[in-house]
Amino acid sequence: MLVQVMARRALADAMELMANAMAQEAVSRTADRVAQEARRGREDELR
């Protein structure tokens, strides 16, 4: 019984870590996209 509880807890922790990693990746991609668009905007202003 205790082993099952510990296994469930470990699985829940792993899923939480994965969800956090995926969220951070999404934020990073969004920030990269915003920065890229800002660079493009500056390039357009220079033309």
N, C-alpha and C. Protein backbone atom coordinates (compact mmCIF):
# COMPACT_ATOMS: atom_id res chain seq x y z
N MET A 1 0.83 -1.20 0.00
CA MET A 1 0.00 0.00 0.00
C MET A 1 0.87 1.26 0.00
N LEU A 2 1.83 1.32 0.90
CA LEU A 2 2.70 2.49 0.98
C LEU A 2 3.48 2.68 -0.32
N VAL A 3 3.90 1.56 -0.91
CA VAL A 3 4.65 1.65 -2.17
C VAL A 3 3.78 2.26 -3.26
N GLN A 4 2.50 1.88 -3.30
CA GLN A 4 1.59 2.46 -4.30
C GLN A 4 1.44 3.96 -4.10
N VAL A 5 1.30 4.38 -2.85
CA VAL A 5 1.16 5.80 -2.55
C VAL A 5 2.42 6.55 -2.98
N MET A 6 3.58 5.98 -2.68
CA MET A 6 4.85 6.62 -3.07
C MET A 6 4.99 6.67 -4.58
N ALA A 7 4.59 5.60 -5.26
CA ALA A 7 4.68 5.57 -6.72
C ALA A 7 3.75 6.61 -7.33
N ARG A 8 2.54 6.71 -6.79
CA ARG A 8 1.60 7.72 -7.30
C ARG A 8 2.15 9.12 -7.09
N ARG A 9 2.74 9.34 -5.93
CA ARG A 9 3.31 10.66 -5.62
C ARG A 9 4.46 10.98 -6.58
N ALA A 10 5.30 10.00 -6.84
CA ALA A 10 6.42 10.20 -7.77
C ALA A 10 5.91 10.52 -9.17
N LEU A 11 4.86 9.81 -9.59
CA LEU A 11 4.28 10.06 -10.91
C LEU A 11 3.67 11.47 -10.97
N ALA A 12 2.96 11.85 -9.91
CA ALA A 12 2.36 13.19 -9.87
C ALA A 12 3.45 14.27 -9.92
N ASP A 13 4.53 14.05 -9.18
CA ASP A 13 5.65 15.01 -9.20
C ASP A 13 6.27 15.10 -10.59
N ALA A 14 6.45 13.95 -11.24
CA ALA A 14 7.04 13.93 -12.58
C ALA A 14 6.13 14.66 -13.57
N MET A 15 4.83 14.44 -13.45
CA MET A 15 3.89 15.11 -14.35
C MET A 15 3.90 16.63 -14.13
N GLU A 16 4.02 17.04 -12.87
CA GLU A 16 4.08 18.47 -12.57
C GLU A 16 5.36 19.08 -13.16
N LEU A 17 6.48 18.38 -13.01
CA LEU A 17 7.73 18.87 -13.59
C LEU A 17 7.63 19.00 -15.11
N MET A 18 7.01 18.01 -15.74
CA MET A 18 6.85 18.04 -17.20
C MET A 18 5.96 19.20 -17.62
N ALA A 19 4.86 19.40 -16.88
CA ALA A 19 3.96 20.51 -17.20
C ALA A 19 4.69 21.85 -17.04
N ASN A 20 5.48 21.99 -15.99
CA ASN A 20 6.24 23.23 -15.79
C ASN A 20 7.24 23.44 -16.91
N ALA A 21 7.92 22.39 -17.32
CA ALA A 21 8.90 22.50 -18.40
C ALA A 21 8.22 22.91 -19.70
N MET A 22 7.06 22.32 -19.97
CA MET A 22 6.33 22.67 -21.20
C MET A 22 5.87 24.12 -21.16
N ALA A 23 5.41 24.58 -20.00
CA ALA A 23 4.97 25.97 -19.87
C ALA A 23 6.14 26.92 -20.07
N GLN A 24 7.29 26.60 -19.49
CA GLN A 24 8.47 27.45 -19.65
C GLN A 24 8.91 27.49 -21.11
N GLU A 25 8.83 26.36 -21.80
CA GLU A 25 9.20 26.31 -23.21
C GLU A 25 8.26 27.20 -24.03
N ALA A 26 6.98 27.16 -23.72
CA ALA A 26 6.01 27.99 -24.44
C ALA A 26 6.30 29.47 -24.21
N VAL A 27 6.62 29.84 -22.98
CA VAL A 27 6.95 31.24 -22.67
C VAL A 27 8.21 31.66 -23.43
N SER A 28 9.19 30.77 -23.46
CA SER A 28 10.45 31.07 -24.15
C SER A 28 10.21 31.27 -25.64
N ARG A 29 9.39 30.39 -26.25
CA ARG A 29 9.10 30.53 -27.68
C ARG A 29 8.37 31.84 -27.95
N THR A 30 7.44 32.20 -27.07
CA THR A 30 6.71 33.45 -27.24
C THR A 30 7.66 34.64 -27.15
N ALA A 31 8.55 34.61 -26.17
CA ALA A 31 9.51 35.71 -26.02
C ALA A 31 10.42 35.80 -27.24
N ASP A 32 10.85 34.65 -27.77
CA ASP A 32 11.68 34.65 -28.98
C ASP A 32 10.93 35.26 -30.15
N ARG A 33 9.65 34.91 -30.28
CA ARG A 33 8.84 35.43 -31.39
C ARG A 33 8.68 36.95 -31.26
N VAL A 34 8.40 37.42 -30.06
CA VAL A 34 8.24 38.86 -29.83
C VAL A 34 9.54 39.59 -30.17
N ALA A 35 10.66 39.04 -29.72
CA ALA A 35 11.96 39.67 -30.00
C ALA A 35 12.24 39.69 -31.50
N GLN A 36 11.91 38.60 -32.18
CA GLN A 36 12.13 38.53 -33.63
C GLN A 36 11.28 39.57 -34.35
N GLU A 37 10.02 39.70 -33.94
CA GLU A 37 9.15 40.70 -34.56
C GLU A 37 9.65 42.11 -34.29
N ALA A 38 10.18 42.34 -33.09
CA ALA A 38 10.72 43.66 -32.77
C ALA A 38 11.94 43.97 -33.65
N ARG A 39 12.79 42.96 -33.86
CA ARG A 39 13.96 43.16 -34.73
C ARG A 39 13.50 43.47 -36.15
N ARG A 40 12.49 42.74 -36.62
CA ARG A 40 11.98 42.99 -37.97
C ARG A 40 11.43 44.41 -38.09
N GLY A 41 10.74 44.85 -37.05
CA GLY A 41 10.19 46.21 -37.06
C GLY A 41 11.28 47.25 -37.16
N ARG A 42 12.37 47.05 -36.42
CA ARG A 42 13.49 48.00 -36.50
C ARG A 42 14.14 47.96 -37.88
N GLU A 43 14.25 46.76 -38.46
CA GLU A 43 14.84 46.66 -39.80
C GLU A 43 13.99 47.40 -40.82
N ASP A 44 12.66 47.27 -40.69
CA ASP A 44 11.76 47.97 -41.61
C ASP A 44 11.90 49.49 -41.46
N GLU A 45 12.10 49.96 -40.22
CA GLU A 45 12.24 51.40 -40.00
C GLU A 45 13.51 51.93 -40.65
N LEU A 46 14.53 51.11 -40.75
CA LEU A 46 15.80 51.55 -41.32
C LEU A 46 15.75 51.65 -42.84
N ARG A 47 14.77 51.01 -43.45
CA ARG A 47 14.69 51.04 -44.92
C ARG A 47 14.06 52.32 -45.42
